[in-house]
Amino acid sequence: MNEVDVDKEVGKGVRHDVHFVGAGPGDPELITVKGQRLLQEAEVVIYTGSLVPKALITGLKAEIHDSAGLNLDEVFAITLKSWQAGKKSSVYIPETRQSTGLSMNRLPS
């Protein structure tokens, strides 16, 4: 993954943390209250379509990205662009490897 110098790449404005919402056991009724709230508040949601139930993303007002066909760099690029734009983002995933890119590039999560 390419490292980004956030201090140079980020303009002025409000920045929100990037939130990771765990996919859990796959039952849409078992998402946490906090996870559901974060998804409802998000302006951008990235999820793994092959693993996350559609019921959890249906009806969200957010810009939705299915990461199933994307590599890690592409997922991180969407996350970084959203963060730079000051959008509230949630990454809804069954794994935590994406958080590595955020910490490598000093994005708050």
PDB file of N, CA and C in Angstrom:
ATOM      1  N   MET A   1       0.839  -1.167   0.000  1.00  0.00           N
ATOM      2  CA  MET A   1       0.000   0.000   0.000  1.00  0.00           C
ATOM      3  C   MET A   1       0.888   1.235   0.000  1.00  0.00           C
ATOM      4  N   ASN A   2       0.502   2.213  -0.781  1.00  0.00           N
ATOM      5  CA  ASN A   2       1.263   3.450  -0.835  1.00  0.00           C
ATOM      6  C   ASN A   2       0.973   4.291   0.391  1.00  0.00           C
ATOM      7  N   GLU A   3       2.032   4.768   1.037  1.00  0.00           N
ATOM      8  CA  GLU A   3       1.856   5.615   2.205  1.00  0.00           C
ATOM      9  C   GLU A   3       1.563   7.030   1.751  1.00  0.00           C
ATOM     10  N   VAL A   4       0.649   7.685   2.429  1.00  0.00           N
ATOM     11  CA  VAL A   4       0.241   9.039   2.099  1.00  0.00           C
ATOM     12  C   VAL A   4       0.679   9.957   3.216  1.00  0.00           C
ATOM     13  N   ASP A   5       1.222  11.116   2.867  1.00  0.00           N
ATOM     14  CA  ASP A   5       1.557  12.111   3.873  1.00  0.00           C
ATOM     15  C   ASP A   5       0.295  12.930   4.103  1.00  0.00           C
ATOM     16  N   VAL A   6      -0.447  12.563   5.144  1.00  0.00           N
ATOM     17  CA  VAL A   6      -1.732  13.186   5.416  1.00  0.00           C
ATOM     18  C   VAL A   6      -1.584  14.680   5.627  1.00  0.00           C
ATOM     19  N   ASP A   7      -0.506  15.116   6.261  1.00  0.00           N
ATOM     20  CA  ASP A   7      -0.311  16.538   6.513  1.00  0.00           C
ATOM     21  C   ASP A   7      -0.261  17.334   5.212  1.00  0.00           C
ATOM     22  N   LYS A   8       0.260  16.748   4.149  1.00  0.00           N
ATOM     23  CA  LYS A   8       0.336  17.430   2.860  1.00  0.00           C
ATOM     24  C   LYS A   8      -0.936  17.252   2.044  1.00  0.00           C
ATOM     25  N   GLU A   9      -1.583  16.106   2.181  1.00  0.00           N
ATOM     26  CA  GLU A   9      -2.731  15.765   1.354  1.00  0.00           C
ATOM     27  C   GLU A   9      -4.038  16.375   1.846  1.00  0.00           C
ATOM     28  N   VAL A  10      -4.138  16.676   3.122  1.00  0.00           N
ATOM     29  CA  VAL A  10      -5.403  17.090   3.712  1.00  0.00           C
ATOM     30  C   VAL A  10      -5.520  18.607   3.699  1.00  0.00           C
ATOM     31  N   GLY A  11      -6.634  19.095   3.187  1.00  0.00           N
ATOM     32  CA  GLY A  11      -6.899  20.522   3.214  1.00  0.00           C
ATOM     33  C   GLY A  11      -7.516  20.922   4.541  1.00  0.00           C
ATOM     34  N   LYS A  12      -7.980  22.143   4.620  1.00  0.00           N
ATOM     35  CA  LYS A  12      -8.608  22.622   5.845  1.00  0.00           C
ATOM     36  C   LYS A  12     -10.055  22.175   5.872  1.00  0.00           C
ATOM     37  N   GLY A  13     -10.616  22.073   7.054  1.00  0.00           N
ATOM     38  CA  GLY A  13     -12.013  21.698   7.197  1.00  0.00           C
ATOM     39  C   GLY A  13     -12.192  20.689   8.306  1.00  0.00           C
ATOM     40  N   VAL A  14     -13.434  20.330   8.529  1.00  0.00           N
ATOM     41  CA  VAL A  14     -13.770  19.379   9.585  1.00  0.00           C
ATOM     42  C   VAL A  14     -13.406  17.975   9.141  1.00  0.00           C
ATOM     43  N   ARG A  15     -12.779  17.242  10.014  1.00  0.00           N
ATOM     44  CA  ARG A  15     -12.427  15.852   9.732  1.00  0.00           C
ATOM     45  C   ARG A  15     -13.150  14.956  10.719  1.00  0.00           C
ATOM     46  N   HIS A  16     -13.682  13.881  10.217  1.00  0.00           N
ATOM     47  CA  HIS A  16     -14.363  12.899  11.049  1.00  0.00           C
ATOM     48  C   HIS A  16     -13.526  11.637  11.117  1.00  0.00           C
ATOM     49  N   ASP A  17     -13.636  10.924  12.214  1.00  0.00           N
ATOM     50  CA  ASP A  17     -12.989   9.625  12.309  1.00  0.00           C
ATOM     51  C   ASP A  17     -13.617   8.681  11.282  1.00  0.00           C
ATOM     52  N   VAL A  18     -12.837   7.719  10.849  1.00  0.00           N
ATOM     53  CA  VAL A  18     -13.352   6.640  10.017  1.00  0.00           C
ATOM     54  C   VAL A  18     -13.722   5.522  10.981  1.00  0.00           C
ATOM     55  N   HIS A  19     -14.960   5.078  10.932  1.00  0.00           N
ATOM     56  CA  HIS A  19     -15.427   4.061  11.863  1.00  0.00           C
ATOM     57  C   HIS A  19     -15.484   2.699  11.180  1.00  0.00           C
ATOM     58  N   PHE A  20     -15.017   1.681  11.898  1.00  0.00           N
ATOM     59  CA  PHE A  20     -15.104   0.308  11.423  1.00  0.00           C
ATOM     60  C   PHE A  20     -16.231  -0.377  12.177  1.00  0.00           C
ATOM     61  N   VAL A  21     -17.174  -0.923  11.428  1.00  0.00           N
ATOM     62  CA  VAL A  21     -18.312  -1.619  12.016  1.00  0.00           C
ATOM     63  C   VAL A  21     -18.145  -3.090  11.662  1.00  0.00           C
ATOM     64  N   GLY A  22     -18.008  -3.924  12.669  1.00  0.00           N
ATOM     65  CA  GLY A  22     -17.799  -5.351  12.431  1.00  0.00           C
ATOM     66  C   GLY A  22     -19.027  -6.032  11.870  1.00  0.00           C
ATOM     67  N   ALA A  23     -18.807  -6.950  10.960  1.00  0.00           N
ATOM     68  CA  ALA A  23     -19.912  -7.669  10.328  1.00  0.00           C
ATOM     69  C   ALA A  23     -20.516  -8.733  11.228  1.00  0.00           C
ATOM     70  N   GLY A  24     -19.818  -9.093  12.287  1.00  0.00           N
ATOM     71  CA  GLY A  24     -20.371 -10.079  13.225  1.00  0.00           C
ATOM     72  C   GLY A  24     -20.649 -11.412  12.576  1.00  0.00           C
ATOM     73  N   PRO A  25     -21.644 -12.129  13.098  1.00  0.00           N
ATOM     74  CA  PRO A  25     -21.925 -13.476  12.602  1.00  0.00           C
ATOM     75  C   PRO A  25     -22.725 -13.514  11.307  1.00  0.00           C
ATOM     76  N   GLY A  26     -23.117 -12.348  10.781  1.00  0.00           N
ATOM     77  CA  GLY A  26     -23.823 -12.327   9.510  1.00  0.00           C
ATOM     78  C   GLY A  26     -25.328 -12.188   9.607  1.00  0.00           C
ATOM     79  N   ASP A  27     -25.891 -12.246  10.797  1.00  0.00           N
ATOM     80  CA  ASP A  27     -27.330 -12.076  10.980  1.00  0.00           C
ATOM     81  C   ASP A  27     -27.617 -10.580  11.113  1.00  0.00           C
ATOM     82  N   PRO A  28     -28.415 -10.010  10.211  1.00  0.00           N
ATOM     83  CA  PRO A  28     -28.681  -8.570  10.251  1.00  0.00           C
ATOM     84  C   PRO A  28     -29.288  -8.087  11.570  1.00  0.00           C
ATOM     85  N   GLU A  29     -29.943  -8.962  12.303  1.00  0.00           N
ATOM     86  CA  GLU A  29     -30.559  -8.563  13.564  1.00  0.00           C
ATOM     87  C   GLU A  29     -29.571  -8.535  14.723  1.00  0.00           C
ATOM     88  N   LEU A  30     -28.323  -8.950  14.479  1.00  0.00           N
ATOM     89  CA  LEU A  30     -27.351  -8.991  15.565  1.00  0.00           C
ATOM     90  C   LEU A  30     -26.332  -7.852  15.520  1.00  0.00           C
ATOM     91  N   ILE A  31     -26.531  -6.868  14.656  1.00  0.00           N
ATOM     92  CA  ILE A  31     -25.631  -5.719  14.630  1.00  0.00           C
ATOM     93  C   ILE A  31     -25.819  -4.938  15.937  1.00  0.00           C
ATOM     94  N   THR A  32     -24.765  -4.342  16.434  1.00  0.00           N
ATOM     95  CA  THR A  32     -24.879  -3.576  17.671  1.00  0.00           C
ATOM     96  C   THR A  32     -25.646  -2.280  17.421  1.00  0.00           C
ATOM     97  N   VAL A  33     -26.181  -1.719  18.472  1.00  0.00           N
ATOM     98  CA  VAL A  33     -26.891  -0.444  18.375  1.00  0.00           C
ATOM     99  C   VAL A  33     -25.931   0.629  17.857  1.00  0.00           C
ATOM    100  N   LYS A  34     -24.715   0.626  18.385  1.00  0.00           N
ATOM    101  CA  LYS A  34     -23.723   1.614  17.947  1.00  0.00           C
ATOM    102  C   LYS A  34     -23.376   1.419  16.470  1.00  0.00           C
ATOM    103  N   GLY A  35     -23.185   0.183  16.050  1.00  0.00           N
ATOM    104  CA  GLY A  35     -22.881  -0.100  14.654  1.00  0.00           C
ATOM    105  C   GLY A  35     -23.984   0.375  13.730  1.00  0.00           C
ATOM    106  N   GLN A  36     -25.219   0.127  14.105  1.00  0.00           N
ATOM    107  CA  GLN A  36     -26.367   0.570  13.305  1.00  0.00           C
ATOM    108  C   GLN A  36     -26.411   2.093  13.240  1.00  0.00           C
ATOM    109  N   ARG A  37     -26.155   2.758  14.373  1.00  0.00           N
ATOM    110  CA  ARG A  37     -26.151   4.225  14.406  1.00  0.00           C
ATOM    111  C   ARG A  37     -25.066   4.786  13.486  1.00  0.00           C
ATOM    112  N   LEU A  38     -23.872   4.210  13.550  1.00  0.00           N
ATOM    113  CA  LEU A  38     -22.768   4.684  12.707  1.00  0.00           C
ATOM    114  C   LEU A  38     -23.090   4.532  11.219  1.00  0.00           C
ATOM    115  N   LEU A  39     -23.715   3.432  10.864  1.00  0.00           N
ATOM    116  CA  LEU A  39     -24.098   3.232   9.463  1.00  0.00           C
ATOM    117  C   LEU A  39     -25.164   4.235   9.045  1.00  0.00           C
ATOM    118  N   GLN A  40     -26.136   4.496   9.926  1.00  0.00           N
ATOM    119  CA  GLN A  40     -27.204   5.446   9.609  1.00  0.00           C
ATOM    120  C   GLN A  40     -26.667   6.871   9.463  1.00  0.00           C
ATOM    121  N   GLU A  41     -25.643   7.225  10.249  1.00  0.00           N
ATOM    122  CA  GLU A  41     -25.075   8.576  10.224  1.00  0.00           C
ATOM    123  C   GLU A  41     -24.033   8.772   9.118  1.00  0.00           C
ATOM    124  N   ALA A  42     -23.525   7.687   8.596  1.00  0.00           N
ATOM    125  CA  ALA A  42     -22.419   7.768   7.627  1.00  0.00           C
ATOM    126  C   ALA A  42     -22.859   8.417   6.321  1.00  0.00           C
ATOM    127  N   GLU A  43     -21.929   9.145   5.728  1.00  0.00           N
ATOM    128  CA  GLU A  43     -22.141   9.713   4.399  1.00  0.00           C
ATOM    129  C   GLU A  43     -21.527   8.812   3.331  1.00  0.00           C
ATOM    130  N   VAL A  44     -20.593   7.966   3.739  1.00  0.00           N
ATOM    131  CA  VAL A  44     -19.948   6.997   2.852  1.00  0.00           C
ATOM    132  C   VAL A  44     -19.854   5.676   3.605  1.00  0.00           C
ATOM    133  N   VAL A  45     -20.281   4.594   2.973  1.00  0.00           N
ATOM    134  CA  VAL A  45     -20.179   3.263   3.560  1.00  0.00           C
ATOM    135  C   VAL A  45     -19.484   2.352   2.558  1.00  0.00           C
ATOM    136  N   ILE A  46     -18.464   1.670   3.038  1.00  0.00           N
ATOM    137  CA  ILE A  46     -17.769   0.672   2.226  1.00  0.00           C
ATOM    138  C   ILE A  46     -18.039  -0.671   2.888  1.00  0.00           C
ATOM    139  N   TYR A  47     -18.523  -1.623   2.125  1.00  0.00           N
ATOM    140  CA  TYR A  47     -18.854  -2.929   2.692  1.00  0.00           C
ATOM    141  C   TYR A  47     -18.429  -4.030   1.733  1.00  0.00           C
ATOM    142  N   THR A  48     -18.280  -5.221   2.253  1.00  0.00           N
ATOM    143  CA  THR A  48     -17.919  -6.373   1.435  1.00  0.00           C
ATOM    144  C   THR A  48     -19.207  -7.086   1.036  1.00  0.00           C
ATOM    145  N   GLY A  49     -19.651  -6.838  -0.182  1.00  0.00           N
ATOM    146  CA  GLY A  49     -20.940  -7.335  -0.646  1.00  0.00           C
ATOM    147  C   GLY A  49     -21.093  -8.834  -0.617  1.00  0.00           C
ATOM    148  N   SER A  50     -19.998  -9.551  -0.766  1.00  0.00           N
ATOM    149  CA  SER A  50     -20.088 -11.007  -0.768  1.00  0.00           C
ATOM    150  C   SER A  50     -20.267 -11.577   0.636  1.00  0.00           C
ATOM    151  N   LEU A  51     -20.065 -10.735   1.669  1.00  0.00           N
ATOM    152  CA  LEU A  51     -20.120 -11.233   3.044  1.00  0.00           C
ATOM    153  C   LEU A  51     -21.114 -10.507   3.947  1.00  0.00           C
ATOM    154  N   VAL A  52     -21.521  -9.326   3.585  1.00  0.00           N
ATOM    155  CA  VAL A  52     -22.401  -8.516   4.430  1.00  0.00           C
ATOM    156  C   VAL A  52     -23.830  -8.613   3.900  1.00  0.00           C
ATOM    157  N   PRO A  53     -24.791  -8.908   4.775  1.00  0.00           N
ATOM    158  CA  PRO A  53     -26.186  -8.990   4.340  1.00  0.00           C
ATOM    159  C   PRO A  53     -26.685  -7.666   3.759  1.00  0.00           C
ATOM    160  N   LYS A  54     -27.351  -7.729   2.621  1.00  0.00           N
ATOM    161  CA  LYS A  54     -27.873  -6.527   1.959  1.00  0.00           C
ATOM    162  C   LYS A  54     -28.846  -5.763   2.858  1.00  0.00           C
ATOM    163  N   ALA A  55     -29.536  -6.465   3.752  1.00  0.00           N
ATOM    164  CA  ALA A  55     -30.495  -5.820   4.642  1.00  0.00           C
ATOM    165  C   ALA A  55     -29.848  -4.728   5.489  1.00  0.00           C
ATOM    166  N   LEU A  56     -28.562  -4.849   5.762  1.00  0.00           N
ATOM    167  CA  LEU A  56     -27.891  -3.872   6.613  1.00  0.00           C
ATOM    168  C   LEU A  56     -27.510  -2.587   5.887  1.00  0.00           C
ATOM    169  N   ILE A  57     -27.451  -2.618   4.582  1.00  0.00           N
ATOM    170  CA  ILE A  57     -27.097  -1.403   3.848  1.00  0.00           C
ATOM    171  C   ILE A  57     -28.284  -0.826   3.079  1.00  0.00           C
ATOM    172  N   THR A  58     -29.354  -1.598   2.964  1.00  0.00           N
ATOM    173  CA  THR A  58     -30.545  -1.136   2.269  1.00  0.00           C
ATOM    174  C   THR A  58     -31.161   0.034   3.032  1.00  0.00           C
ATOM    175  N   GLY A  59     -31.452   1.086   2.314  1.00  0.00           N
ATOM    176  CA  GLY A  59     -32.101   2.245   2.909  1.00  0.00           C
ATOM    177  C   GLY A  59     -31.152   3.274   3.518  1.00  0.00           C
ATOM    178  N   LEU A  60     -29.845   3.010   3.476  1.00  0.00           N
ATOM    179  CA  LEU A  60     -28.897   3.997   3.997  1.00  0.00           C
ATOM    180  C   LEU A  60     -28.854   5.197   3.063  1.00  0.00           C
ATOM    181  N   LYS A  61     -28.669   6.384   3.622  1.00  0.00           N
ATOM    182  CA  LYS A  61     -28.584   7.605   2.825  1.00  0.00           C
ATOM    183  C   LYS A  61     -27.175   7.804   2.266  1.00  0.00           C
ATOM    184  N   ALA A  62     -26.255   6.991   2.700  1.00  0.00           N
ATOM    185  CA  ALA A  62     -24.838   7.132   2.359  1.00  0.00           C
ATOM    186  C   ALA A  62     -24.548   6.762   0.909  1.00  0.00           C
ATOM    187  N   GLU A  63     -23.406   7.253   0.444  1.00  0.00           N
ATOM    188  CA  GLU A  63     -22.808   6.800  -0.808  1.00  0.00           C
ATOM    189  C   GLU A  63     -22.256   5.407  -0.497  1.00  0.00           C
ATOM    190  N   ILE A  64     -22.714   4.394  -1.211  1.00  0.00           N
ATOM    191  CA  ILE A  64     -22.384   3.003  -0.904  1.00  0.00           C
ATOM    192  C   ILE A  64     -21.349   2.468  -1.892  1.00  0.00           C
ATOM    193  N   HIS A  65     -20.322   1.784  -1.353  1.00  0.00           N
ATOM    194  CA  HIS A  65     -19.299   1.146  -2.185  1.00  0.00           C
ATOM    195  C   HIS A  65     -19.184  -0.317  -1.784  1.00  0.00           C
ATOM    196  N   ASP A  66     -19.336  -1.211  -2.756  1.00  0.00           N
ATOM    197  CA  ASP A  66     -19.132  -2.636  -2.524  1.00  0.00           C
ATOM    198  C   ASP A  66     -17.662  -2.932  -2.791  1.00  0.00           C
ATOM    199  N   SER A  67     -16.948  -3.349  -1.751  1.00  0.00           N
ATOM    200  CA  SER A  67     -15.508  -3.590  -1.885  1.00  0.00           C
ATOM    201  C   SER A  67     -15.164  -4.993  -2.361  1.00  0.00           C
ATOM    202  N   ALA A  68     -16.176  -5.818  -2.640  1.00  0.00           N
ATOM    203  CA  ALA A  68     -15.921  -7.206  -3.022  1.00  0.00           C
ATOM    204  C   ALA A  68     -14.984  -7.327  -4.223  1.00  0.00           C
ATOM    205  N   GLY A  69     -15.072  -6.423  -5.180  1.00  0.00           N
ATOM    206  CA  GLY A  69     -14.215  -6.499  -6.362  1.00  0.00           C
ATOM    207  C   GLY A  69     -13.023  -5.559  -6.323  1.00  0.00           C
ATOM    208  N   LEU A  70     -12.786  -4.932  -5.166  1.00  0.00           N
ATOM    209  CA  LEU A  70     -11.698  -3.961  -5.055  1.00  0.00           C
ATOM    210  C   LEU A  70     -10.522  -4.538  -4.283  1.00  0.00           C
ATOM    211  N   ASN A  71      -9.326  -4.057  -4.600  1.00  0.00           N
ATOM    212  CA  ASN A  71      -8.178  -4.460  -3.795  1.00  0.00           C
ATOM    213  C   ASN A  71      -8.037  -3.479  -2.620  1.00  0.00           C
ATOM    214  N   LEU A  72      -7.129  -3.767  -1.724  1.00  0.00           N
ATOM    215  CA  LEU A  72      -6.968  -2.969  -0.511  1.00  0.00           C
ATOM    216  C   LEU A  72      -6.605  -1.517  -0.827  1.00  0.00           C
ATOM    217  N   ASP A  73      -5.766  -1.284  -1.826  1.00  0.00           N
ATOM    218  CA  ASP A  73      -5.404   0.080  -2.201  1.00  0.00           C
ATOM    219  C   ASP A  73      -6.625   0.867  -2.686  1.00  0.00           C
ATOM    220  N   GLU A  74      -7.500   0.211  -3.432  1.00  0.00           N
ATOM    221  CA  GLU A  74      -8.701   0.884  -3.936  1.00  0.00           C
ATOM    222  C   GLU A  74      -9.660   1.227  -2.797  1.00  0.00           C
ATOM    223  N   VAL A  75      -9.802   0.315  -1.837  1.00  0.00           N
ATOM    224  CA  VAL A  75     -10.647   0.573  -0.666  1.00  0.00           C
ATOM    225  C   VAL A  75     -10.072   1.741   0.126  1.00  0.00           C
ATOM    226  N   PHE A  76      -8.766   1.739   0.324  1.00  0.00           N
ATOM    227  CA  PHE A  76      -8.146   2.821   1.068  1.00  0.00           C
ATOM    228  C   PHE A  76      -8.289   4.150   0.328  1.00  0.00           C
ATOM    229  N   ALA A  77      -8.196   4.142  -0.997  1.00  0.00           N
ATOM    230  CA  ALA A  77      -8.338   5.375  -1.781  1.00  0.00           C
ATOM    231  C   ALA A  77      -9.722   5.989  -1.590  1.00  0.00           C
ATOM    232  N   ILE A  78     -10.762   5.162  -1.571  1.00  0.00           N
ATOM    233  CA  ILE A  78     -12.126   5.655  -1.326  1.00  0.00           C
ATOM    234  C   ILE A  78     -12.212   6.237   0.079  1.00  0.00           C
ATOM    235  N   THR A  79     -11.641   5.523   1.041  1.00  0.00           N
ATOM    236  CA  THR A  79     -11.671   5.970   2.430  1.00  0.00           C
ATOM    237  C   THR A  79     -10.938   7.303   2.583  1.00  0.00           C
ATOM    238  N   LEU A  80      -9.759   7.413   2.010  1.00  0.00           N
ATOM    239  CA  LEU A  80      -8.971   8.636   2.112  1.00  0.00           C
ATOM    240  C   LEU A  80      -9.679   9.814   1.449  1.00  0.00           C
ATOM    241  N   LYS A  81     -10.212   9.597   0.257  1.00  0.00           N
ATOM    242  CA  LYS A  81     -10.908  10.667  -0.466  1.00  0.00           C
ATOM    243  C   LYS A  81     -12.116  11.157   0.334  1.00  0.00           C
ATOM    244  N   SER A  82     -12.855  10.239   0.910  1.00  0.00           N
ATOM    245  CA  SER A  82     -14.019  10.607   1.720  1.00  0.00           C
ATOM    246  C   SER A  82     -13.591  11.384   2.956  1.00  0.00           C
ATOM    247  N   TRP A  83     -12.531  10.918   3.601  1.00  0.00           N
ATOM    248  CA  TRP A  83     -12.028  11.576   4.805  1.00  0.00           C
ATOM    249  C   TRP A  83     -11.532  12.977   4.473  1.00  0.00           C
ATOM    250  N   GLN A  84     -10.809  13.112   3.368  1.00  0.00           N
ATOM    251  CA  GLN A  84     -10.305  14.418   2.959  1.00  0.00           C
ATOM    252  C   GLN A  84     -11.441  15.392   2.660  1.00  0.00           C
ATOM    253  N   ALA A  85     -12.554  14.867   2.179  1.00  0.00           N
ATOM    254  CA  ALA A  85     -13.715  15.704   1.869  1.00  0.00           C
ATOM    255  C   ALA A  85     -14.523  16.038   3.117  1.00  0.00           C
ATOM    256  N   GLY A  86     -14.119  15.496   4.258  1.00  0.00           N
ATOM    257  CA  GLY A  86     -14.810  15.781   5.514  1.00  0.00           C
ATOM    258  C   GLY A  86     -16.087  14.989   5.702  1.00  0.00           C
ATOM    259  N   LYS A  87     -16.222  13.889   4.969  1.00  0.00           N
ATOM    260  CA  LYS A  87     -17.431  13.074   5.076  1.00  0.00           C
ATOM    261  C   LYS A  87     -17.315  12.076   6.224  1.00  0.00           C
ATOM    262  N   LYS A  88     -18.444  11.782   6.846  1.00  0.00           N
ATOM    263  CA  LYS A  88     -18.496  10.742   7.876  1.00  0.00           C
ATOM    264  C   LYS A  88     -18.489   9.404   7.158  1.00  0.00           C
ATOM    265  N   SER A  89     -17.529   8.562   7.493  1.00  0.00           N
ATOM    266  CA  SER A  89     -17.376   7.290   6.791  1.00  0.00           C
ATOM    267  C   SER A  89     -17.432   6.118   7.750  1.00  0.00           C
ATOM    268  N   SER A  90     -18.025   5.040   7.278  1.00  0.00           N
ATOM    269  CA  SER A  90     -18.018   3.786   8.002  1.00  0.00           C
ATOM    270  C   SER A  90     -17.595   2.696   7.039  1.00  0.00           C
ATOM    271  N   VAL A  91     -16.717   1.854   7.493  1.00  0.00           N
ATOM    272  CA  VAL A  91     -16.288   0.713   6.705  1.00  0.00           C
ATOM    273  C   VAL A  91     -16.891  -0.506   7.383  1.00  0.00           C
ATOM    274  N   TYR A  92     -17.810  -1.159   6.699  1.00  0.00           N
ATOM    275  CA  TYR A  92     -18.532  -2.284   7.287  1.00  0.00           C
ATOM    276  C   TYR A  92     -17.906  -3.561   6.754  1.00  0.00           C
ATOM    277  N   ILE A  93     -17.106  -4.201   7.593  1.00  0.00           N
ATOM    278  CA  ILE A  93     -16.280  -5.303   7.116  1.00  0.00           C
ATOM    279  C   ILE A  93     -16.255  -6.475   8.082  1.00  0.00           C
ATOM    280  N   PRO A  94     -15.992  -7.663   7.556  1.00  0.00           N
ATOM    281  CA  PRO A  94     -15.810  -8.823   8.411  1.00  0.00           C
ATOM    282  C   PRO A  94     -14.350  -9.049   8.769  1.00  0.00           C
ATOM    283  N   GLU A  95     -13.472  -8.162   8.362  1.00  0.00           N
ATOM    284  CA  GLU A  95     -12.058  -8.307   8.673  1.00  0.00           C
ATOM    285  C   GLU A  95     -11.493  -6.931   9.015  1.00  0.00           C
ATOM    286  N   THR A  96     -10.303  -6.877   9.592  1.00  0.00           N
ATOM    287  CA  THR A  96      -9.762  -5.586  10.027  1.00  0.00           C
ATOM    288  C   THR A  96      -8.512  -5.174   9.269  1.00  0.00           C
ATOM    289  N   ARG A  97      -8.204  -5.800   8.157  1.00  0.00           N
ATOM    290  CA  ARG A  97      -6.965  -5.448   7.466  1.00  0.00           C
ATOM    291  C   ARG A  97      -6.993  -4.027   6.926  1.00  0.00           C
ATOM    292  N   GLN A  98      -8.177  -3.462   6.643  1.00  0.00           N
ATOM    293  CA  GLN A  98      -8.250  -2.095   6.157  1.00  0.00           C
ATOM    294  C   GLN A  98      -7.750  -1.105   7.187  1.00  0.00           C
ATOM    295  N   SER A  99      -7.894  -1.417   8.462  1.00  0.00           N
ATOM    296  CA  SER A  99      -7.446  -0.481   9.492  1.00  0.00           C
ATOM    297  C   SER A  99      -5.936  -0.291   9.447  1.00  0.00           C
ATOM    298  N   THR A 100      -5.225  -1.254   8.912  1.00  0.00           N
ATOM    299  CA  THR A 100      -3.776  -1.132   8.774  1.00  0.00           C
ATOM    300  C   THR A 100      -3.412   0.060   7.902  1.00  0.00           C
ATOM    301  N   GLY A 101      -4.114   0.250   6.803  1.00  0.00           N
ATOM    302  CA  GLY A 101      -3.857   1.375   5.922  1.00  0.00           C
ATOM    303  C   GLY A 101      -4.122   2.702   6.598  1.00  0.00           C
ATOM    304  N   LEU A 102      -5.141   2.754   7.423  1.00  0.00           N
ATOM    305  CA  LEU A 102      -5.437   3.999   8.124  1.00  0.00           C
ATOM    306  C   LEU A 102      -4.354   4.339   9.126  1.00  0.00           C
ATOM    307  N   SER A 103      -3.925   3.363   9.900  1.00  0.00           N
ATOM    308  CA  SER A 103      -2.898   3.641  10.893  1.00  0.00           C
ATOM    309  C   SER A 103      -1.561   3.952  10.243  1.00  0.00           C
ATOM    310  N   MET A 104      -1.253   3.294   9.131  1.00  0.00           N
ATOM    311  CA  MET A 104      -0.008   3.579   8.401  1.00  0.00           C
ATOM    312  C   MET A 104       0.017   5.019   7.901  1.00  0.00           C
ATOM    313  N   ASN A 105      -1.165   5.543   7.607  1.00  0.00           N
ATOM    314  CA  ASN A 105      -1.254   6.882   7.028  1.00  0.00           C
ATOM    315  C   ASN A 105      -1.798   7.908   8.016  1.00  0.00           C
ATOM    316  N   ARG A 106      -1.863   7.544   9.283  1.00  0.00           N
ATOM    317  CA  ARG A 106      -2.232   8.422  10.375  1.00  0.00           C
ATOM    318  C   ARG A 106      -3.621   9.017  10.247  1.00  0.00           C
ATOM    319  N   LEU A 107      -4.572   8.267   9.681  1.00  0.00           N
ATOM    320  CA  LEU A 107      -5.963   8.710   9.660  1.00  0.00           C
ATOM    321  C   LEU A 107      -6.612   8.254  10.955  1.00  0.00           C
ATOM    322  N   PRO A 108      -7.446   9.091  11.549  1.00  0.00           N
ATOM    323  CA  PRO A 108      -8.083   8.690  12.808  1.00  0.00           C
ATOM    324  C   PRO A 108      -9.179   7.655  12.568  1.00  0.00           C
ATOM    325  N   SER A 109      -9.168   6.623  13.357  1.00  0.00           N
ATOM    326  CA  SER A 109     -10.223   5.610  13.266  1.00  0.00           C
ATOM    327  C   SER A 109     -10.627   5.193  14.651  1.00  0.00           C
TER     328      SER A 109
END
